[in-house]
Amino acid sequence: MTTAGPVAGGPDAPDSTRWTMPLRVLGVAAMVAIVLFWFWIFSGGPRKQNADRLDDRRWVARAETTCARTMGRVDTRAEAAGRQDRDARAAAIDTSSTDLRRMLDDLRSPLPSRAGDRDVAEQWLGDWDRLIDDRDTYADAIRRNPDARFLTEEKFRDPLDRVIEIFADVNDMPSCGPAGDVG
């Protein structure tokens, strides 16, 4: 005669309820941890300061004032751009580029006080130098071809003018972004 296995609920049955309570507690703890994690993420807990953000806020304020003054002159010239012939347009870009070079000279004297800020600002000003060189190339191209396009090199897989604009935005210097008179 064969015997059937242990009878359910009988003395020889495996104790399946022994693991039920710890697994429930572990599941609830995991869900609470997930909810807390996402709460922390959405509340800005892991937010880090951008590496390009300058600590020398006095330099930033001075830069914004300097840039705003310069961009006001550049914008005034840009308003007439649609009514100019190509030589006058190129001359206006040249004049604005001269203003931008003076702006950069003002921003370099003095540079931010902290060494780390100084290094980052010098790189940004170097990007501006290259952008102004691209403006010069564009002004020369307009003299030859009224349909010339403004082209600039890339840095970090972005056009150089976008890199300059991002730095200005990160540092709350909206006037220190690229001039809008070309392109």
Protein backbone atom coordinates (compact mmCIF):
# COMPACT_ATOMS: atom_id res chain seq x y z
CA MET A 1 0.00 0.00 0.00
CA THR A 2 1.26 3.43 -0.88
CA THR A 3 0.97 6.33 1.32
CA ALA A 4 0.07 9.71 0.07
CA GLY A 5 2.23 12.62 1.13
CA PRO A 6 1.59 14.69 4.18
CA VAL A 7 -1.93 15.87 4.63
CA ALA A 8 -2.36 19.62 4.18
CA GLY A 9 -2.39 21.27 7.54
CA GLY A 10 -1.24 18.03 9.15
CA PRO A 11 1.77 17.71 11.41
CA ASP A 12 4.12 16.77 8.53
CA ALA A 13 3.11 19.64 6.13
CA PRO A 14 5.75 22.35 5.33
CA ASP A 15 5.22 25.59 7.22
CA SER A 16 4.55 28.10 4.36
CA THR A 17 3.27 30.77 6.72
CA ARG A 18 6.66 31.00 8.39
CA TRP A 19 8.00 33.18 5.47
CA THR A 20 4.86 35.15 4.69
CA MET A 21 5.22 37.85 7.36
CA PRO A 22 8.95 38.65 6.76
CA LEU A 23 8.37 38.85 2.98
CA ARG A 24 5.47 41.26 3.48
CA VAL A 25 7.55 43.45 5.77
CA LEU A 26 10.44 43.41 3.27
CA GLY A 27 8.07 44.33 0.41
CA VAL A 28 6.54 47.23 2.35
CA ALA A 29 10.03 48.46 3.34
CA ALA A 30 11.16 48.34 -0.29
CA MET A 31 8.13 50.33 -1.44
CA VAL A 32 8.67 52.95 1.29
CA ALA A 33 12.34 53.22 0.25
CA ILE A 34 11.37 53.73 -3.40
CA VAL A 35 8.84 56.43 -2.50
CA LEU A 36 11.39 58.21 -0.28
CA PHE A 37 14.05 57.98 -2.99
CA TRP A 38 11.80 59.64 -5.61
CA PHE A 39 10.69 62.27 -3.09
CA TRP A 40 14.36 63.12 -2.51
CA ILE A 41 15.06 63.26 -6.27
CA PHE A 42 12.10 65.55 -7.05
CA SER A 43 12.80 67.81 -4.08
CA GLY A 44 16.24 68.62 -5.52
CA GLY A 45 18.29 66.61 -3.04
CA PRO A 46 21.02 65.53 -5.49
CA ARG A 47 21.32 68.94 -7.15
CA LYS A 48 24.92 69.97 -7.69
CA GLN A 49 26.25 73.39 -8.52
CA ASN A 50 27.28 73.76 -12.17
CA ALA A 51 31.08 73.69 -12.52
CA ASP A 52 30.92 76.88 -14.61
CA ARG A 53 29.11 78.86 -11.90
CA LEU A 54 31.40 81.58 -10.59
CA ASP A 55 31.62 82.25 -6.86
CA ASP A 56 32.88 85.81 -7.39
CA ARG A 57 29.44 87.40 -7.72
CA ARG A 58 30.91 90.93 -7.70
CA TRP A 59 32.78 90.10 -10.91
CA VAL A 60 29.58 88.63 -12.35
CA ALA A 61 27.62 91.81 -11.53
CA ARG A 62 30.32 94.00 -13.10
CA ALA A 63 30.42 91.75 -16.16
CA GLU A 64 26.65 91.94 -16.62
CA THR A 65 26.76 95.75 -16.45
CA THR A 66 29.65 95.91 -18.94
CA CYS A 67 27.96 93.46 -21.33
CA ALA A 68 24.58 95.22 -21.13
CA ARG A 69 26.16 98.54 -22.06
CA THR A 70 27.99 96.97 -25.03
CA MET A 71 25.02 94.92 -26.24
CA GLY A 72 22.88 98.06 -26.22
CA ARG A 73 25.21 99.61 -28.82
CA VAL A 74 25.35 96.38 -30.84
CA ASP A 75 21.55 96.04 -30.81
CA THR A 76 21.13 99.62 -32.05
CA ARG A 77 23.30 98.80 -35.08
CA ALA A 78 21.49 95.50 -35.66
CA GLU A 79 18.10 97.22 -35.94
CA ALA A 80 19.17 98.85 -39.21
CA ALA A 81 20.67 95.64 -40.65
CA GLY A 82 17.71 94.86 -42.90
CA ARG A 83 17.90 98.27 -44.56
CA GLN A 84 21.64 98.20 -45.29
CA ASP A 85 23.56 97.16 -48.37
CA ARG A 86 26.14 94.44 -47.85
CA ASP A 87 29.09 96.80 -47.37
CA ALA A 88 27.23 98.82 -44.73
CA ARG A 89 26.11 95.59 -43.02
CA ALA A 90 29.67 94.27 -42.96
CA ALA A 91 30.94 97.60 -41.61
CA ALA A 92 28.29 97.51 -38.85
CA ILE A 93 29.40 93.99 -37.88
CA ASP A 94 33.04 95.14 -37.84
CA THR A 95 32.16 98.09 -35.60
CA SER A 96 30.19 95.85 -33.25
CA SER A 97 33.06 93.36 -33.16
CA THR A 98 35.36 96.21 -32.12
CA ASP A 99 32.91 97.05 -29.31
CA LEU A 100 32.86 93.39 -28.27
CA ARG A 101 36.67 93.28 -28.14
CA ARG A 102 36.64 96.33 -25.85
CA MET A 103 34.02 94.59 -23.71
CA LEU A 104 36.30 91.56 -23.37
CA ASP A 105 39.25 93.80 -22.45
CA ASP A 106 37.09 95.35 -19.71
CA LEU A 107 36.07 91.88 -18.46
CA ARG A 108 39.71 90.78 -18.32
CA SER A 109 40.74 93.71 -16.16
CA PRO A 110 40.42 92.46 -13.51
CA LEU A 111 39.47 88.80 -13.75
CA PRO A 112 37.60 87.08 -10.89
CA SER A 113 39.51 86.95 -7.62
CA ARG A 114 39.41 83.16 -7.03
CA ALA A 115 41.84 81.02 -9.04
CA GLY A 116 39.16 78.49 -10.05
CA ASP A 117 36.81 81.26 -11.16
CA ARG A 118 39.64 82.95 -13.02
CA ASP A 119 40.43 79.76 -14.98
CA VAL A 120 36.80 79.25 -16.01
CA ALA A 121 36.33 82.93 -16.93
CA GLU A 122 39.53 82.92 -19.02
CA GLN A 123 38.27 79.91 -20.99
CA TRP A 124 34.94 81.64 -21.59
CA LEU A 125 36.67 84.84 -22.70
CA GLY A 126 38.83 82.73 -25.03
CA ASP A 127 35.65 81.31 -26.54
CA TRP A 128 34.47 84.87 -27.07
CA ASP A 129 37.76 85.71 -28.83
CA ARG A 130 37.23 82.84 -31.25
CA LEU A 131 33.61 83.86 -31.82
CA ILE A 132 34.67 87.41 -32.68
CA ASP A 133 37.20 85.98 -35.15
CA ASP A 134 34.29 84.08 -36.73
CA ARG A 135 32.35 87.36 -36.90
CA ASP A 136 35.27 88.95 -38.77
CA THR A 137 35.26 86.07 -41.25
CA TYR A 138 31.51 86.51 -41.69
CA ALA A 139 31.79 90.27 -42.29
CA ASP A 140 34.40 89.62 -45.00
CA ALA A 141 32.15 86.94 -46.54
CA ILE A 142 29.18 89.35 -46.67
CA ARG A 143 31.25 91.82 -48.69
CA ARG A 144 31.71 89.12 -51.35
CA ASN A 145 28.35 87.35 -51.08
CA PRO A 146 25.18 88.88 -49.63
CA ASP A 147 23.84 85.38 -48.97
CA ALA A 148 26.81 84.35 -46.82
CA ARG A 149 25.99 82.42 -43.64
CA PHE A 150 27.47 82.93 -40.21
CA LEU A 151 29.38 79.81 -39.22
CA THR A 152 31.28 79.14 -36.04
CA GLU A 153 33.29 76.26 -34.70
CA GLU A 154 31.97 73.72 -32.20
CA LYS A 155 32.95 73.05 -28.63
CA PHE A 156 31.49 70.19 -26.61
CA ARG A 157 29.42 69.30 -29.70
CA ASP A 158 27.62 72.65 -29.55
CA PRO A 159 28.19 75.74 -31.68
CA LEU A 160 30.56 78.13 -29.92
CA ASP A 161 27.89 80.81 -29.57
CA ARG A 162 25.69 78.31 -27.69
CA VAL A 163 28.56 77.44 -25.31
CA ILE A 164 29.04 81.15 -24.58
CA GLU A 165 25.32 81.58 -24.00
CA ILE A 166 25.14 78.63 -21.59
CA PHE A 167 27.99 80.04 -19.49
CA ALA A 168 26.26 83.43 -19.38
CA ASP A 169 22.96 81.79 -18.36
CA VAL A 170 24.59 79.66 -15.64
CA ASN A 171 26.09 82.82 -14.16
CA ASP A 172 22.98 85.01 -14.41
CA MET A 173 24.60 87.29 -17.01
CA PRO A 174 21.99 87.37 -19.80
CA SER A 175 23.62 90.36 -21.50
CA CYS A 176 26.92 88.48 -21.79
CA GLY A 177 25.53 85.97 -24.25
CA PRO A 178 26.42 86.24 -27.94
CA ALA A 179 25.35 89.33 -29.83
CA GLY A 180 22.33 88.76 -32.03
CA ASP A 181 23.44 90.90 -34.95
CA VAL A 182 24.90 88.14 -37.15
CA GLY A 183 23.41 85.13 -38.80
